[in-house]
Structure formats: C-alpha cells, structure tokens
Amino acid sequence: MDEPKPLTSAFTKTANFSIHEVDEVFRDAAQPAAGAAARAARPPVTLPPILGPLSAFTGTFTGQGFNTIFRPDSKITPTPMPGPINTTDPDDNVLELNLTDETMSFSNSLGSIPNRGSLQQADAFLNGVPYLQTINDITTGTPVGIHFEPGIWLAVPATTNPHEPFTVARMASIPHGTTIVAQGTALPPVAGKPTIAAIDITPFIGGNPGNKIPFQNQTAANKTTRRLPQDLTALMASGKLTQAMITDPNTVLRNQIAHQTITQTIAIETSTKPGTPLSSGPLPAIPSPGPHPQAPSFAGGTANIAFLQGLPVPPPGGNGANANAFQMDAVFWIETVVYDIDVPALPPGTPPVILQPRQRSNVPLVPSFAAAIPFVPNKGFKGGHVKVATTQIQYSQKVMLDFAGLTWPHVSVASLVPAAPVPIPDHLLPLT
C-alpha cells in the first residue's frame, strides 16, 4: 500500500458502549440495601464471553478483490452495451465484472449479550463484533461505490438445546433489499497457507447445480456479448483481469498468497443453510472429513424485499423473481503473515518512519509498517533487517440469485490487510 487510504467514521455510539443483562440493575433498584451487599460480594471484573477466532477482527482492513454478478436485464430498461452485440446468449442477463477496492472496519466487541434459554436450556451469553464493509469498483480507475454492508459477527457459546458446539454467525444487511444470517464454525488452526479450492460462477437450471448452462459472456476474449466491461482486451493485456479469474475467481486469492510466508491459518465457514451448503465452492475450505460447516445442521437464512422475491413462494430457478437471493455461503481465512522489513538507522530523535516490506515486489497487496523509537539521548537503532507478523483476512463468498428460470452464482473474493501502518515491536528495534 503506497499511501494510507483516507477514512471517515460512518457511525457514532456512546463511549465505552457495551451490552449487559439488566437483571441486577432492576434488583438493585428494588432492594437498595441488598443490592449494595451483592455488589460488594461480586468479583471486581467480569470478563465478556470469549470471541474465539473473531478476536482477530479488530481495527480497519483494506484491500483488493474481484466480484462477478449476473444481473437481470429487463425488457423495459435494457442495459446499453458500449459495443455491438453478436451472441447466442439469451438477452435476459448481463455479466458484470468488478475489480474492487475494499474497506472492512471492525468496532469494539459488544460485551455480554444475554439470550434466554427455555426449560432445560440455560441462558446463553453471546459476544459480537460490529463491522462495516464498503466496496468500490476500480476497473476503469475511477472509484464507483457498489456495496455497503453493516453487520455483526456473533460468537455463540455451546448449547445443549439445541446440542451444538461453539459457533459463529454473521448478520448482514445489503441495501438492494436483502438481509442474511449465516452460521457456521471455525476449523482448528493449521500451520501454513490455506488450501483454497476452485469456485464456479456458471449458472444452472432447475435448482440443480449439475445442470450447468455456460454463457458466452463468461469467455474473456469474446468482445460482443452482454457483459460489463464488454471488451476486456486492455485489462487482459495489463494482467489485471484474466480468463482464469472469470472461470475461478478464487484464482485472485491464490495469487495473493503464492509468494507469502504464512505461519498459521484459521478458516471460518458459514452458510445461510448450514445443513445443505452449496456445491462448486466456496465450501469446503480445506480437504477434511465431515460436513462443512461442521455445525449447526440448521438455522440461518436470507430475507428479501418483495421486489427481489417477485412471488410469495418463488420456485427454484426463480421464474417470476427479479433477483431472489436465496442462499449465501462464505469462507473467511484469518492468516498470520510474516514480512521482511529493512529498517534504516534511526538516530536519537528520529520521527516515525513508514516502510514497505521486501515482499512488495512479488505480492499484489502488502501492508506498510511503522518504525518508531523512544527518545533516549545518545541512543538509536543502528538499522537492520526485521521480521514482523501481522493478520491478513481473505474471503470467498457465493450468493445464489434466482431469476429468468435459472440460478445465477454471484461470487465475491478479496484479500485485506491492516489499513494503518503496522507498528514494528520495540524489541525488534534495540537502542544502542
């Protein structure tokens, strides 16, 4: 990253806001003397429920990605193409391809969120991390906003009714008129890089992923189809967009990690239908036995405004729907990446220095790093090579859209690194 991205706050909340149950407050108000005695007997600090892998979701991350979406093309308001159209594809869709620039900002965790159990199920206390995702299209070099998503990641403790292990859930609102609840699990940490399987964008018929219907607008070299951008010649010549990316958008993720040193990966798998995840990616995240996600076997879902759904109960393939989003599966990889940084000599009184890692030459996206030393008269850092580990987030997401008698995979992928320069730890910059 050459320059820090200018950022602004999108939401404001009360300082130190967190969620807690109100029971003790009500009891204390009703019985002040007993409340005072109870407060004196309470532990001085009550820790919030654990976040598990969600503890990596802190601060702001920025990065790059790739988005593919087959859009409905109305007979009333057809999408004008910049060039001539010469294709046997039906005129009911346009394939939009977006090179993307993304910001994912995480707020402080919410604290202790009480969910009340019934009968033999005890109360469960959740924790959550609010987030805001914004995505710009940068295919032409001019940023255009295409996605805005506020949401919350939830850490859900193990329960007996239903009998489920610790799980995570993602709740999100999309301004086209769709909300999602996707639940799943985090796989145990693995050493090294993730194995990122292929993901397919080819539409299919009758709700059956085996009945694929390929379209000519999926062929990068074809300049006369219903696609935006329509002519990909310049983008392919620059290497910014390739046939491999259209065939398998996860190619972008594998290119990012090809020359990285990754010491550990945690994969989070979620689905709005965790009992029946989609075929052809993004699940499973890694080759391993058992279901993906590994829990729960039910719950989650999508909800759409009437315009998108089209009918009270749209059939598979969406005859009558405008763009019914009926399922979303996603994998998030939380990776620990080690970077090599050459730090110049820092004499006493040197202000913080922003540095780029060596990997900048062969990795598409890298964070920057900040080298700073305390002021000690006559003592400075002599300079040298250091290794610094930081977090990288990658994700692959598929949303299934039904319209015009087919099911159309909508795939988004991205790699994200810390937006602010990563501080180089003091112990790596000894003063002499």
Protein backbone atom coordinates (compact mmCIF):
# COMPACT_ATOMS: atom_id res chain seq x y z
CA MET A 1 0.00 0.00 0.00
CA ASP A 2 1.64 3.22 -1.18
CA GLU A 3 -0.44 5.75 0.77
CA PRO A 4 -2.83 5.24 3.70
CA LYS A 5 -6.43 5.36 2.47
CA PRO A 6 -8.39 8.40 3.73
CA LEU A 7 -11.07 7.09 6.09
CA THR A 8 -14.03 8.65 7.87
CA SER A 9 -16.32 7.42 10.64
CA ALA A 10 -19.67 6.12 9.41
CA PHE A 11 -21.35 5.61 12.79
CA THR A 12 -21.17 7.12 16.24
CA LYS A 13 -22.01 5.38 19.53
CA THR A 14 -21.77 6.25 23.20
CA ALA A 15 -18.21 5.97 24.50
CA ASN A 16 -17.48 2.56 26.03
CA PHE A 17 -20.91 1.23 24.97
CA SER A 18 -21.39 -2.46 25.67
CA ILE A 19 -24.32 -4.82 26.19
CA HIS A 20 -25.13 -6.48 29.52
CA GLU A 21 -28.21 -8.01 31.11
CA VAL A 22 -30.35 -5.60 33.12
CA ASP A 23 -31.45 -8.05 35.85
CA GLU A 24 -29.00 -6.85 38.50
CA VAL A 25 -29.84 -3.19 37.85
CA PHE A 26 -33.54 -3.86 38.39
CA ARG A 27 -32.91 -5.90 41.56
CA ASP A 28 -30.61 -3.21 42.96
CA ALA A 29 -33.25 -0.53 42.33
CA ALA A 30 -35.96 -2.58 44.04
CA GLN A 31 -33.81 -3.56 47.05
CA PRO A 32 -31.04 -0.97 47.52
CA ALA A 33 -29.56 -2.49 50.69
CA ALA A 34 -29.42 -5.99 49.30
CA GLY A 35 -28.07 -4.59 46.05
CA ALA A 36 -25.22 -2.84 47.83
CA ALA A 37 -24.28 -6.04 49.66
CA ALA A 38 -24.44 -8.02 46.43
CA ARG A 39 -22.23 -5.50 44.63
CA ALA A 40 -19.64 -5.74 47.39
CA ALA A 41 -19.55 -9.51 47.03
CA ARG A 42 -19.24 -9.54 43.25
CA PRO A 43 -15.90 -10.13 41.53
CA PRO A 44 -14.22 -6.80 40.68
CA VAL A 45 -14.08 -7.67 36.98
CA THR A 46 -16.49 -9.76 34.92
CA LEU A 47 -15.00 -10.75 31.60
CA PRO A 48 -17.22 -10.79 28.50
CA PRO A 49 -17.84 -14.08 26.67
CA ILE A 50 -14.98 -15.27 24.50
CA LEU A 51 -14.82 -14.22 20.87
CA GLY A 52 -12.73 -17.17 19.73
CA PRO A 53 -11.44 -16.61 16.19
CA LEU A 54 -13.41 -13.36 15.96
CA SER A 55 -10.80 -11.73 18.21
CA ALA A 56 -8.76 -11.21 15.01
CA PHE A 57 -11.48 -8.87 13.75
CA THR A 58 -10.19 -5.62 15.19
CA GLY A 59 -9.38 -2.28 13.62
CA THR A 60 -9.68 -1.48 9.93
CA PHE A 61 -8.54 -3.56 6.97
CA THR A 62 -8.30 -2.52 3.33
CA GLY A 63 -7.55 -4.47 0.22
CA GLN A 64 -8.39 -5.59 -3.26
CA GLY A 65 -10.66 -8.18 -4.77
CA PHE A 66 -12.83 -9.34 -7.62
CA ASN A 67 -16.62 -9.50 -7.98
CA THR A 68 -18.76 -11.32 -10.54
CA ILE A 69 -22.52 -10.99 -10.83
CA PHE A 70 -25.03 -11.97 -13.49
CA ARG A 71 -27.59 -9.13 -13.43
CA PRO A 72 -31.14 -9.40 -14.75
CA ASP A 73 -31.60 -7.42 -17.97
CA SER A 74 -35.12 -6.05 -18.23
CA LYS A 75 -37.05 -5.83 -21.49
CA ILE A 76 -38.33 -2.44 -20.28
CA THR A 77 -34.97 -0.99 -19.17
CA PRO A 78 -32.31 -2.96 -21.06
CA THR A 79 -28.66 -2.30 -20.25
CA PRO A 80 -26.96 -0.44 -23.14
CA MET A 81 -23.73 -2.10 -24.26
CA PRO A 82 -20.80 0.09 -25.35
CA GLY A 83 -20.17 -2.05 -28.43
CA PRO A 84 -22.06 -4.27 -30.89
CA ILE A 85 -23.78 -7.42 -29.62
CA ASN A 86 -23.31 -10.66 -31.54
CA THR A 87 -24.12 -13.59 -29.31
CA THR A 88 -26.47 -16.54 -29.00
CA ASP A 89 -26.85 -15.90 -25.26
CA PRO A 90 -30.39 -15.00 -24.21
CA ASP A 91 -30.99 -11.30 -23.61
CA ASP A 92 -32.18 -11.74 -20.00
CA ASN A 93 -28.84 -11.18 -18.25
CA VAL A 94 -25.66 -9.12 -18.17
CA LEU A 95 -22.44 -10.40 -16.59
CA GLU A 96 -20.80 -7.62 -14.56
CA LEU A 97 -17.13 -7.97 -13.59
CA ASN A 98 -15.60 -5.68 -10.97
CA LEU A 99 -12.02 -5.20 -9.89
CA THR A 100 -12.59 -3.94 -6.38
CA ASP A 101 -11.10 -1.80 -3.64
CA GLU A 102 -12.48 -2.64 -0.21
CA THR A 103 -12.53 -1.40 3.37
CA MET A 104 -13.65 -3.60 6.27
CA SER A 105 -13.85 -1.78 9.60
CA PHE A 106 -14.47 -3.56 12.92
CA SER A 107 -15.80 -1.86 16.04
CA ASN A 108 -15.15 -2.85 19.66
CA SER A 109 -16.86 -6.04 20.81
CA LEU A 110 -20.36 -5.65 22.23
CA GLY A 111 -19.77 -7.33 25.59
CA SER A 112 -22.20 -9.84 27.08
CA ILE A 113 -25.38 -10.33 25.02
CA PRO A 114 -27.98 -12.31 27.00
CA ASN A 115 -30.06 -14.89 25.13
CA ARG A 116 -32.62 -16.50 27.41
CA GLY A 117 -32.92 -20.27 27.47
CA SER A 118 -36.19 -22.16 27.84
CA LEU A 119 -36.90 -25.11 30.15
CA GLN A 120 -33.72 -27.19 30.38
CA GLN A 121 -31.53 -24.86 28.29
CA ALA A 122 -29.63 -22.36 30.45
CA ASP A 123 -29.25 -18.75 29.38
CA ALA A 124 -26.54 -18.24 26.77
CA PHE A 125 -24.34 -15.16 26.68
CA LEU A 126 -23.07 -14.17 23.25
CA ASN A 127 -20.46 -11.64 22.22
CA GLY A 128 -20.32 -9.75 18.96
CA VAL A 129 -18.13 -7.62 16.73
CA PRO A 130 -19.92 -4.97 14.63
CA TYR A 131 -18.44 -4.30 11.20
CA LEU A 132 -18.91 -2.09 8.16
CA GLN A 133 -17.86 -3.20 4.67
CA THR A 134 -17.64 -0.79 1.75
CA ILE A 135 -16.57 -1.77 -1.76
CA ASN A 136 -15.67 0.38 -4.77
CA ASP A 137 -15.36 -0.75 -8.36
CA ILE A 138 -11.96 0.39 -9.68
CA THR A 139 -11.98 -1.45 -13.02
CA THR A 140 -11.65 1.76 -15.06
CA GLY A 141 -9.50 3.58 -12.49
CA THR A 142 -12.44 5.73 -11.34
CA PRO A 143 -13.79 4.51 -7.98
CA VAL A 144 -17.53 3.82 -8.01
CA GLY A 145 -19.30 2.59 -4.86
CA ILE A 146 -21.03 -0.76 -5.43
CA HIS A 147 -21.53 -2.26 -1.96
CA PHE A 148 -22.31 -1.06 1.58
CA GLU A 149 -22.82 -3.65 4.31
CA PRO A 150 -23.26 -3.05 8.02
CA GLY A 151 -23.33 -6.19 10.13
CA ILE A 152 -22.31 -8.08 13.23
CA TRP A 153 -20.19 -11.17 13.71
CA LEU A 154 -21.50 -13.19 16.68
CA ALA A 155 -19.68 -15.65 18.92
CA VAL A 156 -22.26 -18.21 20.06
CA PRO A 157 -21.37 -20.47 23.02
CA ALA A 158 -22.01 -24.20 23.08
CA THR A 159 -25.59 -25.17 23.98
CA THR A 160 -27.49 -28.31 24.97
CA ASN A 161 -30.82 -27.47 23.32
CA PRO A 162 -30.01 -27.49 20.50
CA HIS A 163 -26.93 -29.63 21.10
CA GLU A 164 -24.33 -27.53 19.30
CA PRO A 165 -20.66 -26.64 19.84
CA PHE A 166 -19.26 -23.12 19.86
CA THR A 167 -20.30 -21.49 16.58
CA VAL A 168 -20.06 -18.13 14.87
CA ALA A 169 -22.69 -16.23 12.92
CA ARG A 170 -22.63 -13.32 10.53
CA MET A 171 -25.62 -11.00 10.32
CA ALA A 172 -25.58 -8.55 7.41
CA SER A 173 -27.82 -6.03 5.66
CA ILE A 174 -27.39 -5.26 1.96
CA PRO A 175 -29.07 -2.11 0.54
CA HIS A 176 -30.50 -3.90 -2.50
CA GLY A 177 -33.08 -5.26 -0.04
CA THR A 178 -31.56 -8.45 1.38
CA THR A 179 -30.58 -9.45 4.89
CA ILE A 180 -28.67 -12.60 5.83
CA VAL A 181 -27.92 -14.73 8.86
CA ALA A 182 -25.11 -17.17 8.12
CA GLN A 183 -23.91 -19.55 10.83
CA GLY A 184 -21.02 -21.97 11.00
CA THR A 185 -17.79 -22.91 12.68
CA ALA A 186 -14.09 -22.12 12.74
CA LEU A 187 -11.84 -25.02 11.83
CA PRO A 188 -8.84 -25.72 14.07
CA PRO A 189 -5.76 -23.63 13.20
CA VAL A 190 -3.47 -25.21 10.62
CA ALA A 191 0.19 -24.48 10.03
CA GLY A 192 1.00 -22.66 6.81
CA LYS A 193 -1.18 -21.44 3.96
CA PRO A 194 -4.81 -22.32 3.33
CA THR A 195 -5.85 -24.68 0.57
CA ILE A 196 -8.28 -22.62 -1.47
CA ALA A 197 -10.44 -24.75 -3.75
CA ALA A 198 -11.96 -23.56 -7.03
CA ILE A 199 -15.29 -21.74 -7.17
CA ASP A 200 -17.60 -21.79 -10.20
CA ILE A 201 -19.81 -18.95 -11.45
CA THR A 202 -21.65 -20.95 -14.14
CA PRO A 203 -25.48 -20.68 -13.91
CA PHE A 204 -27.63 -23.80 -13.69
CA ILE A 205 -31.22 -24.82 -14.33
CA GLY A 206 -33.97 -26.34 -12.19
CA GLY A 207 -32.19 -25.71 -8.92
CA ASN A 208 -29.73 -28.49 -9.82
CA PRO A 209 -26.02 -27.43 -9.80
CA GLY A 210 -25.28 -30.41 -12.04
CA ASN A 211 -27.31 -28.87 -14.89
CA LYS A 212 -24.89 -26.07 -15.74
CA ILE A 213 -25.66 -23.63 -18.56
CA PRO A 214 -22.46 -21.83 -19.64
CA PHE A 215 -22.79 -18.44 -21.31
CA GLN A 216 -20.63 -16.76 -23.95
CA ASN A 217 -20.16 -13.73 -21.68
CA GLN A 218 -18.02 -15.98 -19.48
CA THR A 219 -15.40 -16.09 -22.28
CA ALA A 220 -12.96 -13.23 -21.72
CA ALA A 221 -11.88 -12.96 -25.37
CA ASN A 222 -15.44 -12.51 -26.62
CA LYS A 223 -16.00 -8.78 -27.22
CA THR A 224 -19.61 -8.86 -28.44
CA THR A 225 -21.54 -10.35 -25.52
CA ARG A 226 -23.77 -8.78 -22.89
CA ARG A 227 -21.07 -8.05 -20.34
CA LEU A 228 -19.64 -5.06 -18.47
CA PRO A 229 -16.88 -4.34 -19.30
CA GLN A 230 -17.70 -5.70 -22.73
CA ASP A 231 -14.20 -5.60 -24.27
CA LEU A 232 -11.58 -6.98 -21.88
CA THR A 233 -8.62 -6.67 -24.26
CA ALA A 234 -6.81 -3.88 -22.37
CA LEU A 235 -7.49 -5.41 -18.97
CA MET A 236 -6.16 -8.78 -20.10
CA ALA A 237 -3.08 -7.18 -21.68
CA SER A 238 -2.29 -5.48 -18.38
CA GLY A 239 -2.80 -8.71 -16.44
CA LYS A 240 -5.48 -7.09 -14.25
CA LEU A 241 -8.19 -9.48 -15.46
CA THR A 242 -7.78 -12.97 -16.90
CA GLN A 243 -9.87 -15.84 -18.16
CA ALA A 244 -8.70 -17.81 -15.12
CA MET A 245 -10.27 -15.21 -12.82
CA ILE A 246 -13.65 -15.49 -14.56
CA THR A 247 -13.53 -19.28 -14.60
CA ASP A 248 -12.45 -19.41 -10.94
CA PRO A 249 -12.50 -16.11 -9.00
CA ASN A 250 -10.56 -17.77 -6.17
CA THR A 251 -7.57 -17.50 -8.51
CA VAL A 252 -7.22 -13.95 -7.14
CA LEU A 253 -6.83 -15.29 -3.58
CA ARG A 254 -4.28 -17.91 -4.56
CA ASN A 255 -2.24 -15.29 -6.45
CA GLN A 256 -2.10 -13.17 -3.28
CA ILE A 257 -0.67 -15.94 -1.09
CA ALA A 258 1.57 -17.62 -3.69
CA HIS A 259 4.74 -15.83 -2.50
CA GLN A 260 3.77 -15.11 1.09
CA THR A 261 5.14 -16.66 4.25
CA ILE A 262 2.03 -17.71 6.18
CA THR A 263 2.65 -19.43 9.50
CA GLN A 264 -0.95 -20.16 10.53
CA THR A 265 -4.45 -20.15 9.05
CA ILE A 266 -7.86 -20.29 10.71
CA ALA A 267 -10.79 -20.91 8.36
CA ILE A 268 -14.31 -19.76 9.28
CA GLU A 269 -17.05 -21.49 7.28
CA THR A 270 -20.59 -20.09 7.29
CA SER A 271 -23.79 -20.65 5.35
CA THR A 272 -27.35 -19.35 5.42
CA LYS A 273 -28.29 -23.04 5.02
CA PRO A 274 -25.52 -24.75 7.02
CA GLY A 275 -27.23 -28.13 6.72
CA THR A 276 -27.09 -28.00 2.90
CA PRO A 277 -24.10 -25.94 1.69
CA LEU A 278 -23.67 -25.13 -1.98
CA SER A 279 -21.65 -27.23 -4.41
CA SER A 280 -18.75 -25.90 -6.53
CA GLY A 281 -17.34 -23.71 -3.75
CA PRO A 282 -16.59 -21.91 -1.60
CA LEU A 283 -17.09 -24.78 0.90
CA PRO A 284 -15.28 -26.86 1.98
CA ALA A 285 -12.42 -24.58 2.87
CA ILE A 286 -9.85 -27.36 3.16
CA PRO A 287 -9.90 -31.08 2.35
CA SER A 288 -11.15 -32.69 5.55
CA PRO A 289 -13.76 -35.25 6.54
CA GLY A 290 -17.16 -34.35 7.84
CA PRO A 291 -19.74 -31.74 6.90
CA HIS A 292 -18.90 -28.15 6.03
CA PRO A 293 -19.77 -26.11 8.03
CA GLN A 294 -19.31 -28.66 10.80
CA ALA A 295 -22.19 -27.09 12.78
CA PRO A 296 -25.01 -26.29 13.09
CA SER A 297 -27.16 -28.55 10.93
CA PHE A 298 -29.93 -25.96 10.60
CA ALA A 299 -30.73 -22.25 11.21
CA GLY A 300 -29.71 -19.17 9.26
CA GLY A 301 -31.42 -17.79 6.20
CA THR A 302 -31.97 -14.88 3.82
CA ALA A 303 -34.81 -12.38 3.60
CA ASN A 304 -35.59 -10.27 0.53
CA ILE A 305 -37.88 -7.36 -0.21
CA ALA A 306 -40.91 -8.14 -2.39
CA PHE A 307 -39.26 -6.63 -5.49
CA LEU A 308 -36.42 -9.15 -5.37
CA GLN A 309 -38.52 -12.16 -4.41
CA GLY A 310 -41.13 -11.42 -7.06
CA LEU A 311 -43.62 -14.04 -5.82
CA PRO A 312 -44.81 -15.19 -2.39
CA VAL A 313 -43.01 -18.53 -2.87
CA PRO A 314 -40.69 -18.31 -5.90
CA PRO A 315 -39.79 -21.71 -7.38
CA PRO A 316 -36.19 -22.92 -7.85
CA GLY A 317 -34.75 -21.04 -10.80
CA GLY A 318 -36.82 -18.02 -9.95
CA ASN A 319 -39.46 -17.80 -12.66
CA GLY A 320 -41.21 -14.60 -11.61
CA ALA A 321 -38.39 -13.38 -9.35
CA ASN A 322 -36.40 -10.25 -10.15
CA ALA A 323 -33.32 -11.46 -8.29
CA ASN A 324 -34.19 -13.65 -5.32
CA ALA A 325 -31.11 -14.17 -3.13
CA PHE A 326 -31.94 -17.50 -1.51
CA GLN A 327 -28.59 -18.70 -0.13
CA MET A 328 -25.13 -17.44 0.75
CA ASP A 329 -22.04 -19.49 1.63
CA ALA A 330 -18.73 -17.93 2.62
CA VAL A 331 -15.27 -18.83 3.89
CA PHE A 332 -13.07 -16.35 5.74
CA TRP A 333 -9.40 -17.21 6.15
CA ILE A 334 -7.57 -15.49 9.03
CA GLU A 335 -3.88 -15.75 8.18
CA THR A 336 -0.74 -14.87 10.11
CA VAL A 337 1.69 -13.47 7.54
CA VAL A 338 5.39 -12.77 8.19
CA TYR A 339 7.00 -9.86 6.33
CA ASP A 340 10.67 -8.89 5.88
CA ILE A 341 11.43 -5.22 6.50
CA ASP A 342 14.70 -3.36 6.05
CA VAL A 343 14.80 -0.67 8.73
CA PRO A 344 17.27 2.19 8.21
CA ALA A 345 19.38 3.59 11.01
CA LEU A 346 17.25 5.64 13.40
CA PRO A 347 19.36 8.22 15.28
CA PRO A 348 18.02 9.68 18.56
CA GLY A 349 15.01 11.91 17.95
CA THR A 350 14.10 10.38 14.56
CA PRO A 351 10.34 10.69 13.91
CA PRO A 352 8.40 7.53 13.00
CA VAL A 353 9.33 6.11 9.58
CA ILE A 354 6.82 4.37 7.29
CA LEU A 355 8.36 1.39 5.49
CA GLN A 356 7.36 -1.13 2.83
CA PRO A 357 8.26 -4.83 3.17
CA ARG A 358 10.54 -6.64 0.75
CA GLN A 359 7.54 -8.71 -0.40
CA ARG A 360 6.11 -5.66 -2.13
CA SER A 361 7.88 -6.69 -5.33
CA ASN A 362 6.08 -10.04 -5.76
CA VAL A 363 2.91 -9.88 -3.63
CA PRO A 364 -0.10 -7.96 -5.06
CA LEU A 365 -1.11 -6.44 -1.71
CA VAL A 366 1.05 -5.71 1.34
CA PRO A 367 0.61 -3.52 4.43
CA SER A 368 3.01 -0.78 5.41
CA PHE A 369 4.98 -0.74 8.67
CA ALA A 370 5.94 1.98 11.16
CA ALA A 371 9.36 2.08 12.80
CA ALA A 372 9.49 4.33 15.87
CA ILE A 373 11.92 4.54 18.79
CA PRO A 374 11.61 6.33 22.12
CA PHE A 375 13.82 9.34 22.67
CA VAL A 376 16.86 8.38 24.70
CA PRO A 377 19.79 10.80 24.50
CA ASN A 378 22.72 9.37 22.52
CA LYS A 379 20.89 6.08 21.77
CA GLY A 380 19.37 5.00 18.50
CA PHE A 381 18.69 1.95 16.34
CA LYS A 382 21.65 1.04 14.15
CA GLY A 383 19.47 -0.32 11.33
CA GLY A 384 18.89 -3.83 10.09
CA HIS A 385 16.50 -6.46 8.81
CA VAL A 386 13.50 -7.49 10.93
CA LYS A 387 10.61 -9.95 10.52
CA VAL A 388 7.13 -8.84 11.60
CA ALA A 389 3.95 -10.94 11.73
CA THR A 390 0.52 -9.43 11.15
CA THR A 391 -3.01 -10.51 10.24
CA GLN A 392 -4.36 -10.89 6.73
CA ILE A 393 -8.03 -11.66 6.01
CA GLN A 394 -9.16 -13.37 2.81
CA TYR A 395 -12.68 -14.40 1.94
CA SER A 396 -14.62 -16.15 -0.79
CA GLN A 397 -18.39 -15.71 -0.90
CA LYS A 398 -21.11 -17.05 -3.17
CA VAL A 399 -24.67 -15.73 -3.22
CA MET A 400 -27.23 -17.62 -5.29
CA LEU A 401 -29.67 -15.44 -7.26
CA ASP A 402 -32.79 -16.85 -8.92
CA PHE A 403 -34.31 -15.16 -11.97
CA ALA A 404 -35.34 -15.97 -15.54
CA GLY A 405 -35.65 -19.68 -14.84
CA LEU A 406 -32.02 -20.16 -13.78
CA THR A 407 -29.89 -19.95 -10.65
CA TRP A 408 -27.01 -17.50 -11.04
CA PRO A 409 -23.92 -17.65 -8.75
CA HIS A 410 -22.75 -14.22 -7.57
CA VAL A 411 -19.15 -14.56 -6.35
CA SER A 412 -17.06 -12.04 -4.43
CA VAL A 413 -13.48 -12.51 -3.21
CA ALA A 414 -10.94 -10.21 -1.56
CA SER A 415 -7.66 -10.05 0.35
CA LEU A 416 -7.45 -7.49 3.19
CA VAL A 417 -4.51 -6.16 5.23
CA PRO A 418 -4.33 -3.63 8.08
CA ALA A 419 -5.19 -0.13 6.82
CA ALA A 420 -2.87 1.71 9.21
CA PRO A 421 0.89 1.11 9.26
CA VAL A 422 1.68 -1.90 11.45
CA PRO A 423 3.94 -0.89 14.37
CA ILE A 424 7.24 -2.75 14.46
CA PRO A 425 7.57 -4.13 18.03
CA ASP A 426 10.05 -2.28 20.26
CA HIS A 427 12.11 -5.39 20.98
CA LEU A 428 12.99 -5.64 17.29
CA LEU A 429 14.48 -2.11 17.39
CA PRO A 430 17.01 -2.26 20.24
CA LEU A 431 18.73 1.00 21.14
CA THR A 432 22.49 1.12 21.26
